[in-house]
């Protein structure tokens, strides 16, 4: 008679894996939290709302005397929190940094008309918000009003360049990823502004580099820097970018730490991601689901592609495009229509089951108590919101709802729930097919932006959308191993998809 080694049973191995994942998750969360706390070392932060504009003041402690003041403006769909690493860098050089949440972004509940289209009315609002920030910064007792510097990214780069061109009292300006527009660079008055640093990522769309090069040639005291290997967002976290900004502002020699917040936030995301596995197993247990006949894979993917294509067409005309959420209204319509079409195909036009392999028989699965399922749904959905909102808000960009975002959040979540439910029904819970169907949706959304059905800015948010789709597909696979109600993976996934969309895309 053979003796099975201790711990070698499948159940024991599963328990060991869950314990390891729980320990790794706890370590990642602990180190991530510690790293974020350390990122504030030597800095003081003060928040204020002036004339309705949320401002965040960052300065290094222990610096005496009058110092430069730097107003920092984010880009479209950004926030003051996205630009916080730049603020940390200039503050450690001895300057006072003033971050601004412009209308429609971050903690600012006001809407930005024409958001993303560089319209005249949106430019006026951006200039007004910058004026508030500059005027307030000049009132700070330790700021030298003759040494005001402006820094902007993308939409914010256009705004600070125009503002500095009309205000010669601005000492220097930094434009990161300056966008193409009707009045840049040809119509800036008299070659202003002077003292302009232009930074562009080497992997950005060619139009950004072309605009930066043309602007650098039409003025004196200008410098163009191309940061290799980075695109429109990662340029903000590149060491070369921070070195150039620090040198342009001037001051001390404290080396920049552009990843001081992003890296710990990544550890938080990793910790929450790993922690979901033991948590879901604890709440739901582990039980096999009854096998269901599965349609041939090519047929499933063909139906998914057709639904996504029609979703891109019909979604562009859906009433959701009128939601006051720039880009998000179109994406919401696309998800809603695509999900309805997939669910309809699974319900009323079922594909023939595959006959090449027999469906294994399984024993009846005992029903889980409804109370336990409901409790698990509440806890896991709350965990999903925490897992996506906390790391993003602390280490990347603003992810807390304000103003109209409170009612937009359930609307976007409902569309995401329909989309994911349709994917679940269309794939009969097969995880790799489910992931493939999500990938098809990402490709369809990208194609719709390329051909003009969706706003062009969709191309910049597609990478984030793809990451979120992959994330929720992985968690859905974890949940299916516990045999939950079919709606539970869709509910948890909807929280992951909807929260960033509703809280980070601009109010328009």
Protein backbone atom coordinates (compact mmCIF):
# COMPACT_ATOMS: atom_id res chain seq x y z
CA UNK A 1 0.00 0.00 0.00
CA UNK A 2 1.43 3.37 -1.01
CA UNK A 3 1.23 6.35 1.27
CA UNK A 4 0.44 9.76 -0.27
CA UNK A 5 2.91 12.38 0.96
CA UNK A 6 1.52 14.95 3.35
CA UNK A 7 0.09 17.96 1.51
CA UNK A 8 0.06 16.20 -1.86
CA UNK A 9 -3.72 15.93 -2.19
CA UNK A 10 -5.36 18.29 -4.70
CA UNK A 11 -7.28 20.01 -1.89
CA UNK A 12 -4.09 20.58 0.11
CA UNK A 13 -2.31 21.98 -2.94
CA UNK A 14 -5.19 24.37 -3.59
CA UNK A 15 -5.06 25.58 0.00
CA UNK A 16 -1.30 26.09 -0.25
CA UNK A 17 -1.68 28.12 -3.44
CA UNK A 18 -4.38 30.29 -1.86
CA UNK A 19 -2.22 30.92 1.20
CA UNK A 20 0.75 31.91 -0.99
CA UNK A 21 -1.43 34.28 -3.02
CA UNK A 22 -2.83 35.83 0.15
CA UNK A 23 0.67 36.39 1.54
CA UNK A 24 1.93 37.87 -1.73
CA UNK A 25 -1.12 40.13 -1.92
CA UNK A 26 -0.57 41.35 1.64
CA UNK A 27 3.11 42.06 0.95
CA UNK A 28 2.35 43.95 -2.26
CA UNK A 29 -0.29 46.07 -0.49
CA UNK A 30 2.04 46.77 2.43
CA UNK A 31 5.00 47.78 0.27
CA UNK A 32 2.73 49.80 -2.02
CA UNK A 33 1.23 51.73 0.88
CA UNK A 34 4.67 52.33 2.37
CA UNK A 35 5.99 53.57 -0.97
CA UNK A 36 3.13 56.04 -1.38
CA UNK A 37 3.69 57.34 2.14
CA UNK A 38 7.41 57.77 1.42
CA UNK A 39 6.63 59.69 -1.79
CA UNK A 40 5.43 62.61 0.36
CA UNK A 41 8.61 62.75 2.45
CA UNK A 42 9.99 66.29 2.56
CA UNK A 43 6.92 67.77 0.87
CA UNK A 44 3.88 69.60 2.18
CA UNK A 45 0.55 69.65 0.35
CA UNK A 46 -2.28 72.14 0.70
CA UNK A 47 -5.58 72.08 -1.18
CA UNK A 48 -7.92 74.97 -1.81
CA UNK A 49 -10.82 75.86 -4.09
CA UNK A 50 -10.59 79.38 -5.50
CA UNK A 51 -13.47 80.78 -7.58
CA UNK A 52 -14.66 77.19 -8.11
CA UNK A 53 -11.26 75.95 -9.34
CA UNK A 54 -9.66 73.16 -7.26
CA UNK A 55 -5.97 73.90 -6.62
CA UNK A 56 -3.26 71.77 -5.02
CA UNK A 57 -0.16 73.50 -3.68
CA UNK A 58 3.02 71.45 -3.28
CA UNK A 59 6.26 72.72 -1.73
CA UNK A 60 9.39 71.30 -0.16
CA UNK A 61 9.67 71.81 3.57
CA UNK A 62 12.57 73.72 5.06
CA UNK A 63 13.17 76.06 2.10
CA UNK A 64 13.54 79.72 3.04
CA UNK A 65 13.22 82.88 0.98
CA UNK A 66 11.26 83.82 -2.11
CA UNK A 67 11.14 81.12 -4.77
CA UNK A 68 9.69 80.52 -8.23
CA UNK A 69 6.07 79.56 -8.62
CA UNK A 70 5.01 76.93 -11.14
CA UNK A 71 1.42 76.44 -12.37
CA UNK A 72 0.90 72.94 -13.81
CA UNK A 73 -2.00 72.14 -16.15
CA UNK A 74 -3.02 68.62 -17.18
CA UNK A 75 -4.29 67.37 -20.52
CA UNK A 76 -7.63 66.12 -21.78
CA UNK A 77 -8.96 63.34 -19.51
CA UNK A 78 -6.13 64.05 -17.08
CA UNK A 79 -6.17 65.67 -13.66
CA UNK A 80 -3.98 67.43 -11.14
CA UNK A 81 -3.14 64.02 -9.69
CA UNK A 82 -1.78 62.84 -13.03
CA UNK A 83 0.64 65.77 -12.99
CA UNK A 84 1.64 65.31 -9.34
CA UNK A 85 5.06 63.75 -10.21
CA UNK A 86 5.93 66.93 -12.15
CA UNK A 87 4.85 69.00 -9.14
CA UNK A 88 7.02 66.89 -6.83
CA UNK A 89 10.01 67.40 -9.12
CA UNK A 90 9.76 71.20 -9.29
CA UNK A 91 8.95 71.44 -5.57
CA UNK A 92 12.13 69.51 -4.74
CA UNK A 93 14.03 72.08 -6.82
CA UNK A 94 12.81 74.75 -4.39
CA UNK A 95 9.81 76.06 -6.34
CA UNK A 96 6.18 76.24 -5.22
CA UNK A 97 4.03 74.05 -7.50
CA UNK A 98 0.36 74.83 -8.08
CA UNK A 99 -1.65 72.02 -9.69
CA UNK A 100 -5.00 72.90 -11.23
CA UNK A 101 -8.02 70.74 -12.05
CA UNK A 102 -9.53 72.53 -15.04
CA UNK A 103 -13.27 72.43 -15.74
CA UNK A 104 -14.67 68.96 -16.39
CA UNK A 105 -11.66 67.16 -14.91
CA UNK A 106 -10.54 65.71 -11.62
CA UNK A 107 -12.17 67.36 -8.61
CA UNK A 108 -13.70 70.15 -10.71
CA UNK A 109 -17.48 69.50 -11.13
CA UNK A 110 -17.91 72.17 -13.82
CA UNK A 111 -18.35 71.06 -17.41
CA UNK A 112 -15.97 71.89 -20.24
CA UNK A 113 -17.97 72.74 -23.39
CA UNK A 114 -16.46 71.32 -26.54
CA UNK A 115 -14.11 69.15 -24.51
CA UNK A 116 -11.58 67.44 -26.73
CA UNK A 117 -12.35 69.55 -29.81
CA UNK A 118 -10.16 72.58 -28.98
CA UNK A 119 -13.24 74.80 -29.35
CA UNK A 120 -13.13 78.53 -28.67
CA UNK A 121 -15.48 78.30 -25.68
CA UNK A 122 -13.36 75.60 -24.04
CA UNK A 123 -10.22 77.70 -24.61
CA UNK A 124 -11.82 80.62 -22.80
CA UNK A 125 -12.65 78.45 -19.80
CA UNK A 126 -9.14 76.98 -19.73
CA UNK A 127 -7.64 80.48 -19.79
CA UNK A 128 -9.95 81.56 -16.99
CA UNK A 129 -8.93 78.58 -14.81
CA UNK A 130 -5.26 79.27 -15.48
CA UNK A 131 -5.74 82.92 -14.57
CA UNK A 132 -7.25 81.89 -11.24
CA UNK A 133 -4.29 79.60 -10.51
CA UNK A 134 -1.66 82.18 -11.53
CA UNK A 135 -3.31 84.97 -9.53
CA UNK A 136 -3.61 82.79 -6.45
CA UNK A 137 0.01 81.59 -6.74
CA UNK A 138 1.24 85.17 -6.85
CA UNK A 139 -0.44 85.85 -3.50
CA UNK A 140 1.58 83.18 -1.72
CA UNK A 141 4.00 84.93 0.65
CA UNK A 142 7.10 82.96 -0.36
CA UNK A 143 6.55 83.12 -4.15
CA UNK A 144 8.46 85.61 -6.30
CA UNK A 145 5.74 87.05 -8.60
CA UNK A 146 8.39 87.86 -11.23
CA UNK A 147 9.36 84.18 -11.55
CA UNK A 148 6.12 82.46 -12.57
CA UNK A 149 6.54 79.40 -14.79
CA UNK A 150 3.78 77.51 -16.61
CA UNK A 151 3.88 73.77 -17.36
CA UNK A 152 1.22 71.97 -19.38
CA UNK A 153 0.60 68.59 -20.99
CA UNK A 154 -1.37 68.03 -24.22
CA UNK A 155 -4.51 70.16 -23.94
CA UNK A 156 -2.86 71.89 -21.00
CA UNK A 157 0.26 72.51 -23.11
CA UNK A 158 -1.83 74.39 -25.66
CA UNK A 159 -3.52 76.35 -22.87
CA UNK A 160 -0.30 77.44 -21.13
CA UNK A 161 1.37 78.33 -24.43
CA UNK A 162 -1.53 80.60 -25.43
CA UNK A 163 -1.69 82.10 -21.94
CA UNK A 164 2.04 82.83 -21.84
CA UNK A 165 1.88 84.35 -25.34
CA UNK A 166 -0.67 86.87 -24.07
CA UNK A 167 1.07 87.52 -20.75
CA UNK A 168 4.71 88.57 -21.20
CA UNK A 169 5.13 88.63 -17.41
CA UNK A 170 5.30 84.80 -17.45
CA UNK A 171 8.98 83.96 -17.00
CA UNK A 172 9.14 80.57 -18.71
CA UNK A 173 6.84 77.95 -20.19
CA UNK A 174 7.03 74.18 -20.64
CA UNK A 175 4.76 72.53 -23.24
CA UNK A 176 4.73 68.71 -23.06
CA UNK A 177 3.08 67.00 -26.06
CA UNK A 178 1.78 70.24 -27.56
CA UNK A 179 -1.27 69.33 -29.70
CA UNK A 180 -1.96 70.46 -33.23
CA UNK A 181 -4.59 73.24 -33.46
CA UNK A 182 -5.76 76.09 -35.64
CA UNK A 183 -3.70 78.82 -33.93
CA UNK A 184 -0.52 76.90 -33.08
CA UNK A 185 2.18 77.60 -33.98
CA UNK A 186 1.61 80.10 -36.83
CA UNK A 187 -0.62 82.65 -35.13
CA UNK A 188 1.12 83.15 -31.80
CA UNK A 189 1.70 86.91 -31.53
CA UNK A 190 5.21 88.16 -32.34
CA UNK A 191 6.78 84.76 -31.82
CA UNK A 192 5.79 84.70 -28.17
CA UNK A 193 6.13 83.17 -25.70
CA UNK A 194 9.85 83.48 -25.09
CA UNK A 195 11.56 80.93 -22.90
CA UNK A 196 9.51 78.01 -24.22
CA UNK A 197 10.61 74.40 -23.63
CA UNK A 198 8.91 71.89 -25.93
CA UNK A 199 8.96 68.21 -24.92
CA UNK A 200 7.49 65.42 -27.02
CA UNK A 201 7.63 61.64 -26.79
CA UNK A 202 9.44 59.78 -29.53
CA UNK A 203 6.60 57.22 -29.81
CA UNK A 204 3.73 59.73 -29.97
CA UNK A 205 1.54 60.28 -33.02
CA UNK A 206 3.56 62.17 -35.69
CA UNK A 207 1.31 65.25 -35.44
CA UNK A 208 2.57 66.00 -31.94
CA UNK A 209 6.20 65.97 -33.02
CA UNK A 210 5.44 68.02 -36.13
CA UNK A 211 3.70 70.68 -34.02
CA UNK A 212 6.57 70.80 -31.52
CA UNK A 213 9.16 71.16 -34.29
CA UNK A 214 7.21 73.89 -36.08
CA UNK A 215 6.66 75.81 -32.83
CA UNK A 216 10.33 75.59 -31.86
CA UNK A 217 11.33 77.31 -35.12
CA UNK A 218 9.00 80.30 -34.67
CA UNK A 219 10.47 82.09 -31.71
CA UNK A 220 13.60 82.89 -29.74
CA UNK A 221 14.76 81.23 -26.53
CA UNK A 222 13.03 77.98 -27.38
CA UNK A 223 14.27 74.42 -26.87
CA UNK A 224 12.90 71.18 -28.34
CA UNK A 225 13.48 67.86 -26.59
CA UNK A 226 12.36 64.51 -28.03
CA UNK A 227 12.22 61.84 -25.32
CA UNK A 228 12.85 58.47 -26.98
CA UNK A 229 10.71 55.39 -26.38
CA UNK A 230 7.71 57.05 -24.70
CA UNK A 231 4.22 57.92 -25.91
CA UNK A 232 1.59 60.47 -24.95
CA UNK A 233 1.14 59.45 -21.30
CA UNK A 234 4.41 57.75 -20.41
CA UNK A 235 6.27 60.92 -21.42
CA UNK A 236 5.03 62.38 -18.12
CA UNK A 237 6.91 59.70 -16.16
CA UNK A 238 10.14 59.67 -18.17
CA UNK A 239 13.30 60.63 -16.32
CA UNK A 240 14.45 62.79 -19.24
CA UNK A 241 11.22 64.81 -19.08
CA UNK A 242 11.68 65.51 -15.37
CA UNK A 243 15.37 66.40 -15.79
CA UNK A 244 14.52 68.93 -18.52
CA UNK A 245 11.64 70.48 -16.57
CA UNK A 246 13.78 70.76 -13.42
CA UNK A 247 16.60 72.46 -15.35
CA UNK A 248 14.16 74.87 -17.08
CA UNK A 249 12.56 75.90 -13.80
CA UNK A 250 15.94 76.13 -12.06
CA UNK A 251 16.73 75.68 -8.40
CA UNK A 252 18.32 72.92 -6.41
CA UNK A 253 19.94 69.66 -7.48
CA UNK A 254 17.61 67.16 -5.83
CA UNK A 255 17.31 64.32 -8.40
CA UNK A 256 13.76 63.77 -9.73
CA UNK A 257 11.87 60.64 -8.79
CA UNK A 258 9.17 60.38 -11.48
CA UNK A 259 8.06 56.85 -10.48
CA UNK A 260 7.85 57.54 -6.74
CA UNK A 261 4.04 57.34 -6.85
CA UNK A 262 3.42 55.24 -9.94
CA UNK A 263 5.49 52.23 -8.84
CA UNK A 264 3.84 51.88 -5.38
CA UNK A 265 0.43 52.31 -7.00
CA UNK A 266 1.36 49.45 -9.33
CA UNK A 267 2.11 47.31 -6.27
CA UNK A 268 -1.33 48.17 -4.88
CA UNK A 269 -2.93 47.06 -8.15
CA UNK A 270 -0.93 43.82 -8.03
CA UNK A 271 -1.88 43.19 -4.42
CA UNK A 272 -5.58 43.75 -5.01
CA UNK A 273 -5.43 41.61 -8.14
CA UNK A 274 -3.83 38.65 -6.35
CA UNK A 275 -5.99 39.06 -3.25
CA UNK A 276 -9.16 38.56 -5.27
CA UNK A 277 -8.41 34.83 -5.73
CA UNK A 278 -8.39 33.79 -2.04
CA UNK A 279 -11.20 36.21 -1.25
CA UNK A 280 -13.49 34.81 -3.95
CA UNK A 281 -12.67 31.25 -2.89
CA UNK A 282 -13.39 32.06 0.76
CA UNK A 283 -16.75 33.67 -0.06
CA UNK A 284 -17.94 31.21 -2.71
CA UNK A 285 -16.03 27.99 -2.08
CA UNK A 286 -15.14 25.79 -5.03
CA UNK A 287 -17.62 23.70 -6.93
CA UNK A 288 -17.74 22.64 -10.58
CA UNK A 289 -20.36 24.09 -12.88
CA UNK A 290 -22.46 21.77 -15.03
CA UNK A 291 -20.98 21.49 -18.50
CA UNK A 292 -22.97 23.08 -21.30
CA UNK A 293 -22.79 22.27 -25.00
CA UNK A 294 -20.49 24.75 -26.66
CA UNK A 295 -20.85 26.10 -30.17
CA UNK A 296 -17.85 25.85 -32.50
CA UNK A 297 -15.27 28.51 -31.75
CA UNK A 298 -15.25 30.10 -35.25
CA UNK A 299 -19.01 30.58 -35.08
CA UNK A 300 -18.82 32.16 -31.63
CA UNK A 301 -16.10 34.59 -32.70
CA UNK A 302 -17.93 35.43 -35.93
CA UNK A 303 -21.08 36.33 -34.00
CA UNK A 304 -19.00 38.37 -31.52
CA UNK A 305 -17.32 40.28 -34.34
CA UNK A 306 -20.66 40.95 -36.06
CA UNK A 307 -22.17 42.23 -32.81
CA UNK A 308 -19.17 44.47 -32.16
CA UNK A 309 -19.28 45.86 -35.70
CA UNK A 310 -22.99 46.65 -35.46
CA UNK A 311 -22.40 48.03 -31.97
CA UNK A 312 -19.86 50.48 -33.37
CA UNK A 313 -22.30 51.59 -36.07
CA UNK A 314 -25.44 51.83 -33.96
CA UNK A 315 -23.62 53.07 -30.85
CA UNK A 316 -22.46 56.15 -32.75
CA UNK A 317 -26.15 57.10 -33.19
CA UNK A 318 -27.41 56.02 -29.77
CA UNK A 319 -28.81 58.60 -27.31
CA UNK A 320 -25.90 57.82 -24.98
CA UNK A 321 -23.63 59.93 -27.19
CA UNK A 322 -25.41 62.94 -25.65
CA UNK A 323 -24.30 62.02 -22.15
CA UNK A 324 -22.18 64.82 -20.60
CA UNK A 325 -19.16 62.53 -20.54
CA UNK A 326 -16.71 63.23 -23.36
CA UNK A 327 -15.77 60.03 -25.23
CA UNK A 328 -17.50 58.05 -22.47
CA UNK A 329 -20.92 58.60 -24.01
CA UNK A 330 -19.83 56.94 -27.24
CA UNK A 331 -18.13 54.04 -25.44
CA UNK A 332 -21.23 53.56 -23.27
CA UNK A 333 -23.44 53.29 -26.35
CA UNK A 334 -21.04 50.87 -28.01
CA UNK A 335 -20.97 48.58 -24.96
CA UNK A 336 -24.73 48.70 -24.51
CA UNK A 337 -25.60 47.90 -28.14
CA UNK A 338 -22.92 45.22 -28.46
CA UNK A 339 -24.05 43.52 -25.25
CA UNK A 340 -27.72 43.50 -26.30
CA UNK A 341 -26.85 42.02 -29.70
CA UNK A 342 -24.73 39.27 -28.15
CA UNK A 343 -27.35 38.39 -25.58
CA UNK A 344 -30.03 38.30 -28.29
CA UNK A 345 -27.91 36.02 -30.45
CA UNK A 346 -27.37 33.64 -27.54
CA UNK A 347 -31.06 33.65 -26.61
CA UNK A 348 -32.94 33.64 -29.90
CA UNK A 349 -30.40 32.46 -32.45
CA UNK A 350 -28.43 29.77 -30.62
CA UNK A 351 -25.46 28.42 -32.50
CA UNK A 352 -25.26 24.66 -33.13
CA UNK A 353 -23.35 22.75 -30.47
CA UNK A 354 -19.99 21.29 -31.37
CA UNK A 355 -20.13 17.61 -32.17
CA UNK A 356 -16.43 16.83 -32.45
CA UNK A 357 -16.08 16.17 -28.72
CA UNK A 358 -18.76 14.83 -26.42
CA UNK A 359 -19.92 16.93 -23.51
CA UNK A 360 -18.88 15.19 -20.27
CA UNK A 361 -21.61 14.33 -17.87
CA UNK A 362 -21.41 15.91 -14.47
CA UNK A 363 -23.19 15.31 -11.24
CA UNK A 364 -25.90 17.77 -10.23
CA UNK A 365 -24.44 20.77 -8.45
CA UNK A 366 -26.03 21.73 -5.17
CA UNK A 367 -27.56 25.18 -5.09
CA UNK A 368 -25.74 27.79 -3.09
CA UNK A 369 -27.85 29.66 -0.53
CA UNK A 370 -29.20 32.89 -2.08
CA UNK A 371 -28.11 34.87 0.98
CA UNK A 372 -24.52 33.67 0.57
CA UNK A 373 -24.53 34.57 -3.12
CA UNK A 374 -25.97 38.02 -2.40
CA UNK A 375 -23.41 38.67 0.34
CA UNK A 376 -20.58 37.50 -1.91
CA UNK A 377 -21.83 39.78 -4.69
CA UNK A 378 -21.85 42.84 -2.41
CA UNK A 379 -18.40 42.14 -0.96
CA UNK A 380 -16.75 41.23 -4.25
CA UNK A 381 -18.22 44.23 -6.09
CA UNK A 382 -17.09 46.53 -3.29
CA UNK A 383 -13.65 44.92 -3.45
CA UNK A 384 -13.53 45.51 -7.23
CA UNK A 385 -14.34 49.20 -6.78
CA UNK A 386 -11.65 49.52 -4.12
CA UNK A 387 -9.12 47.61 -6.21
CA UNK A 388 -9.50 49.91 -9.21
CA UNK A 389 -10.29 53.25 -7.54
CA UNK A 390 -7.77 53.42 -4.69
CA UNK A 391 -4.53 52.68 -6.62
CA UNK A 392 -5.57 54.89 -9.54
CA UNK A 393 -6.54 57.78 -7.26
CA UNK A 394 -3.46 57.58 -5.04
CA UNK A 395 -0.85 56.96 -7.70
CA UNK A 396 -2.13 57.97 -11.12
CA UNK A 397 -5.13 60.24 -11.64
CA UNK A 398 -8.32 61.39 -9.94
CA UNK A 399 -10.82 58.54 -9.55
CA UNK A 400 -13.41 59.94 -7.13
CA UNK A 401 -16.83 60.94 -8.51
CA UNK A 402 -17.87 64.59 -8.23
CA UNK A 403 -20.85 66.50 -9.57
CA UNK A 404 -22.62 64.82 -12.49
CA UNK A 405 -20.33 61.80 -12.22
CA UNK A 406 -22.51 60.44 -9.40
CA UNK A 407 -25.45 59.82 -11.74
CA UNK A 408 -23.26 59.00 -14.75
CA UNK A 409 -21.60 56.19 -12.82
CA UNK A 410 -24.67 53.92 -12.60
CA UNK A 411 -25.54 54.66 -16.24
CA UNK A 412 -22.09 53.61 -17.45
CA UNK A 413 -22.11 50.62 -15.07
CA UNK A 414 -25.43 49.43 -16.49
CA UNK A 415 -24.03 49.50 -20.04
CA UNK A 416 -20.93 47.59 -18.89
CA UNK A 417 -23.14 45.02 -17.15
CA UNK A 418 -25.16 44.45 -20.33
CA UNK A 419 -21.96 44.14 -22.38
CA UNK A 420 -20.37 41.59 -20.04
CA UNK A 421 -23.60 39.62 -19.60
CA UNK A 422 -23.86 39.32 -23.37
CA UNK A 423 -20.27 38.11 -23.52
CA UNK A 424 -20.95 35.55 -20.79
CA UNK A 425 -24.01 34.19 -22.60
CA UNK A 426 -22.35 34.16 -26.02
CA UNK A 427 -19.32 32.17 -24.82
CA UNK A 428 -21.16 29.79 -22.46
CA UNK A 429 -18.65 30.68 -19.76
CA UNK A 430 -15.57 29.44 -21.65
CA UNK A 431 -12.84 31.68 -20.26
CA UNK A 432 -10.49 31.87 -23.22
CA UNK A 433 -13.38 32.52 -25.61
CA UNK A 434 -14.62 35.18 -23.22
CA UNK A 435 -11.21 36.87 -23.35
CA UNK A 436 -11.18 36.63 -27.16
CA UNK A 437 -14.62 38.26 -27.34
CA UNK A 438 -13.31 41.12 -25.17
CA UNK A 439 -10.36 41.51 -27.52
CA UNK A 440 -12.71 41.73 -30.49
CA UNK A 441 -14.55 44.57 -28.75
CA UNK A 442 -11.27 46.44 -28.23
CA UNK A 443 -10.41 46.07 -31.92
CA UNK A 444 -13.88 47.20 -33.00
CA UNK A 445 -13.68 50.28 -30.77
CA UNK A 446 -10.25 51.10 -32.20
CA UNK A 447 -11.47 50.67 -35.78
CA UNK A 448 -14.48 52.90 -35.13
CA UNK A 449 -12.14 55.72 -34.05
CA UNK A 450 -9.87 55.20 -37.07
CA UNK A 451 -12.75 55.46 -39.56
CA UNK A 452 -14.38 58.39 -37.77
CA UNK A 453 -17.39 56.70 -36.12
CA UNK A 454 -15.93 57.43 -32.68
CA UNK A 455 -14.06 60.51 -31.41
CA UNK A 456 -10.37 60.38 -32.27
CA UNK A 457 -9.44 60.60 -28.60
CA UNK A 458 -10.74 57.03 -28.22
CA UNK A 459 -7.39 55.92 -29.64
CA UNK A 460 -5.65 57.31 -26.57
CA UNK A 461 -7.96 55.58 -24.07
CA UNK A 462 -8.14 52.22 -25.88
CA UNK A 463 -4.96 50.91 -24.16
CA UNK A 464 -6.50 51.52 -20.73
CA UNK A 465 -9.79 49.97 -21.88
CA UNK A 466 -7.91 46.89 -23.13
CA UNK A 467 -6.14 46.50 -19.77
CA UNK A 468 -9.46 46.74 -17.90
CA UNK A 469 -11.10 44.19 -20.23
CA UNK A 470 -8.22 41.77 -19.67
CA UNK A 471 -8.34 42.35 -15.92
CA UNK A 472 -12.04 41.61 -15.62
CA UNK A 473 -11.69 38.55 -17.89
CA UNK A 474 -9.07 37.12 -15.51
CA UNK A 475 -11.28 37.72 -12.48
CA UNK A 476 -14.28 36.25 -14.30
CA UNK A 477 -12.26 33.05 -14.86
CA UNK A 478 -11.51 32.91 -11.14
CA UNK A 479 -15.18 33.30 -10.28
CA UNK A 480 -16.31 30.60 -12.70
CA UNK A 481 -14.22 28.02 -10.86
CA UNK A 482 -16.53 28.53 -7.89
CA UNK A 483 -19.69 27.97 -9.95
CA UNK A 484 -21.34 31.32 -9.08
CA UNK A 485 -24.59 32.67 -10.53
CA UNK A 486 -23.99 33.62 -14.16
CA UNK A 487 -24.60 37.27 -13.40
CA UNK A 488 -21.88 37.57 -10.74
CA UNK A 489 -18.79 37.72 -13.04
CA UNK A 490 -20.57 40.34 -15.14
CA UNK A 491 -21.46 42.39 -12.04
CA UNK A 492 -17.93 42.40 -10.66
CA UNK A 493 -16.47 43.12 -14.12
CA UNK A 494 -18.89 46.02 -14.64
CA UNK A 495 -17.52 47.70 -11.52
CA UNK A 496 -13.96 47.37 -12.87
CA UNK A 497 -14.86 48.82 -16.27
CA UNK A 498 -17.32 51.52 -15.28
CA UNK A 499 -15.55 53.20 -12.37
CA UNK A 500 -12.50 54.50 -14.31
CA UNK A 501 -14.66 55.50 -17.29
CA UNK A 502 -17.15 57.52 -15.23
CA UNK A 503 -14.60 59.18 -12.94
CA UNK A 504 -11.71 60.02 -15.27
CA UNK A 505 -13.23 60.99 -18.63
CA UNK A 506 -14.09 64.70 -18.86
CA UNK A 507 -17.48 66.22 -18.10
CA UNK A 508 -18.54 68.06 -21.24
